[in-house]
């Protein structure tokens, strides 16, 4: 990938609302050339979307935890993500290698809500869980470029 495209990705990863004019100024491109480059990166699937980053604390989701799921019978885990998708509070579901089959990132309001969520996970899928509470987040979701 060209260094100009990497620079554009870095700029957009930090500010997805940056104008084509500002991207052009930062990279030495004209506004139309910057727009063309961004569109090509989108068409190639390098840029997959833009989103608002919402502060979980502003929504009173003060408790973040990671929940590791162990599936006793490995052949039974294919439909677990679909079974868990409707559960409110699960932010991310990762299929992982190692001792566990899945890792969930959850954000809830209180320990009571976490307990409710863990019960729902247990009812939806035949898994055992191990929960790790997040105390602080020195950094997260850093840009790849």
Protein backbone atom coordinates (compact mmCIF):
# COMPACT_ATOMS: atom_id res chain seq x y z
CA UNK A 1 0.00 0.00 0.00
CA UNK A 2 1.29 3.45 -0.88
CA UNK A 3 2.46 5.74 1.89
CA UNK A 4 -0.14 8.36 0.90
CA UNK A 5 -2.94 5.82 1.33
CA UNK A 6 -1.50 4.83 4.71
CA UNK A 7 -1.40 8.48 5.72
CA UNK A 8 -5.03 8.91 4.67
CA UNK A 9 -6.02 5.85 6.69
CA UNK A 10 -4.19 7.19 9.71
CA UNK A 11 -5.96 10.54 9.44
CA UNK A 12 -9.41 8.98 9.04
CA UNK A 13 -8.81 6.46 11.83
CA UNK A 14 -8.29 9.40 14.19
CA UNK A 15 -11.08 11.57 12.74
CA UNK A 16 -13.57 9.79 10.49
CA UNK A 17 -15.30 13.10 9.78
CA UNK A 18 -12.22 14.83 8.38
CA UNK A 19 -13.04 16.72 5.19
CA UNK A 20 -11.45 15.87 1.88
CA UNK A 21 -9.98 19.38 1.87
CA UNK A 22 -8.23 18.75 5.21
CA UNK A 23 -7.06 15.32 4.06
CA UNK A 24 -5.65 16.95 0.94
CA UNK A 25 -3.83 19.61 2.95
CA UNK A 26 -2.31 16.99 5.27
CA UNK A 27 -1.16 14.76 2.42
CA UNK A 28 -0.27 17.32 -0.26
CA UNK A 29 -3.13 16.22 -2.51
CA UNK A 30 -5.87 18.30 -4.08
CA UNK A 31 -9.35 17.95 -2.57
CA UNK A 32 -10.57 15.91 -5.55
CA UNK A 33 -7.50 13.64 -5.47
CA UNK A 34 -8.02 13.05 -1.75
CA UNK A 35 -11.67 12.21 -2.38
CA UNK A 36 -10.72 9.77 -5.16
CA UNK A 37 -8.18 8.04 -2.92
CA UNK A 38 -10.69 7.65 -0.09
CA UNK A 39 -13.33 6.29 -2.49
CA UNK A 40 -10.83 3.74 -3.86
CA UNK A 41 -9.94 2.65 -0.33
CA UNK A 42 -13.66 2.18 0.36
CA UNK A 43 -14.22 0.25 -2.89
CA UNK A 44 -11.26 -2.05 -2.15
CA UNK A 45 -12.75 -2.80 1.28
CA UNK A 46 -9.84 -1.25 3.19
CA UNK A 47 -12.22 1.29 4.73
CA UNK A 48 -15.29 -0.66 5.80
CA UNK A 49 -17.33 2.11 7.39
CA UNK A 50 -17.57 5.13 9.65
CA UNK A 51 -19.21 5.27 13.04
CA UNK A 52 -19.87 7.42 16.06
CA UNK A 53 -17.91 6.44 19.16
CA UNK A 54 -20.30 6.54 22.12
CA UNK A 55 -19.09 6.93 25.70
CA UNK A 56 -20.43 3.95 27.68
CA UNK A 57 -20.37 6.00 30.90
CA UNK A 58 -22.68 8.58 29.30
CA UNK A 59 -25.19 5.73 28.92
CA UNK A 60 -24.64 4.66 32.56
CA UNK A 61 -22.84 1.49 31.42
CA UNK A 62 -20.22 1.89 34.13
CA UNK A 63 -19.19 -1.76 34.36
CA UNK A 64 -17.16 -3.40 31.60
CA UNK A 65 -16.18 -7.05 31.73
CA UNK A 66 -14.76 -9.77 29.54
CA UNK A 67 -16.56 -13.09 29.71
CA UNK A 68 -14.72 -16.17 28.49
CA UNK A 69 -16.95 -19.03 27.29
CA UNK A 70 -15.89 -22.65 27.51
CA UNK A 71 -17.92 -25.02 25.33
CA UNK A 72 -17.81 -28.58 26.79
CA UNK A 73 -18.52 -30.23 23.43
CA UNK A 74 -16.51 -28.47 20.70
CA UNK A 75 -18.96 -29.42 17.95
CA UNK A 76 -21.74 -27.56 19.77
CA UNK A 77 -20.29 -24.06 19.41
CA UNK A 78 -21.21 -23.09 15.85
CA UNK A 79 -24.51 -21.40 16.70
CA UNK A 80 -23.46 -19.79 19.98
CA UNK A 81 -22.89 -16.29 18.51
CA UNK A 82 -26.41 -16.32 17.05
CA UNK A 83 -27.88 -17.49 20.36
CA UNK A 84 -26.11 -14.71 22.25
CA UNK A 85 -26.72 -11.87 19.77
CA UNK A 86 -30.08 -10.79 21.28
CA UNK A 87 -28.67 -10.40 24.80
CA UNK A 88 -28.46 -6.73 25.72
CA UNK A 89 -25.11 -5.68 27.10
CA UNK A 90 -22.93 -7.89 24.91
CA UNK A 91 -20.85 -5.45 22.88
CA UNK A 92 -18.50 -7.85 21.08
CA UNK A 93 -18.19 -11.59 20.53
CA UNK A 94 -14.85 -13.03 19.47
CA UNK A 95 -14.14 -16.62 18.44
CA UNK A 96 -10.78 -17.41 20.02
CA UNK A 97 -8.19 -20.16 20.14
CA UNK A 98 -6.99 -21.62 23.41
CA UNK A 99 -8.74 -22.74 26.56
CA UNK A 100 -11.95 -20.92 25.70
CA UNK A 101 -14.04 -20.87 22.53
CA UNK A 102 -15.42 -17.33 22.71
CA UNK A 103 -14.62 -14.07 24.44
CA UNK A 104 -17.39 -11.55 25.06
CA UNK A 105 -16.95 -7.89 25.86
CA UNK A 106 -19.91 -6.72 27.92
CA UNK A 107 -20.93 -3.30 29.21
CA UNK A 108 -23.67 -3.03 31.80
CA UNK A 109 -24.88 -0.62 34.46
CA UNK A 110 -24.20 -2.60 37.63
CA UNK A 111 -23.02 -5.89 39.13
CA UNK A 112 -26.67 -6.93 39.30
CA UNK A 113 -26.99 -6.37 35.55
CA UNK A 114 -23.82 -8.38 34.97
CA UNK A 115 -25.28 -11.23 37.00
CA UNK A 116 -28.47 -11.08 34.90
CA UNK A 117 -26.42 -11.12 31.70
CA UNK A 118 -24.40 -14.16 32.85
CA UNK A 119 -27.63 -15.99 33.65
CA UNK A 120 -28.98 -15.18 30.19
CA UNK A 121 -25.77 -16.43 28.58
CA UNK A 122 -26.06 -19.67 30.56
CA UNK A 123 -29.68 -20.13 29.51
CA UNK A 124 -29.02 -19.35 25.85
CA UNK A 125 -25.99 -21.61 25.43
CA UNK A 126 -24.59 -24.63 27.26
CA UNK A 127 -21.30 -23.04 28.31
CA UNK A 128 -19.29 -22.37 31.42
CA UNK A 129 -18.02 -18.83 31.93
CA UNK A 130 -15.14 -16.99 33.52
CA UNK A 131 -15.54 -13.26 34.06
CA UNK A 132 -12.85 -10.59 34.27
CA UNK A 133 -13.88 -7.10 35.42
CA UNK A 134 -12.23 -4.07 33.85
CA UNK A 135 -10.86 -1.60 36.39
CA UNK A 136 -9.58 1.03 33.96
CA UNK A 137 -8.80 1.41 30.27
CA UNK A 138 -5.42 3.04 29.65
CA UNK A 139 -6.16 2.82 25.89
CA UNK A 140 -8.49 0.94 23.56
CA UNK A 141 -9.28 0.61 19.87
CA UNK A 142 -6.08 2.32 18.76
CA UNK A 143 -5.86 2.95 15.02
CA UNK A 144 -4.04 0.25 13.07
CA UNK A 145 -2.10 2.80 11.05
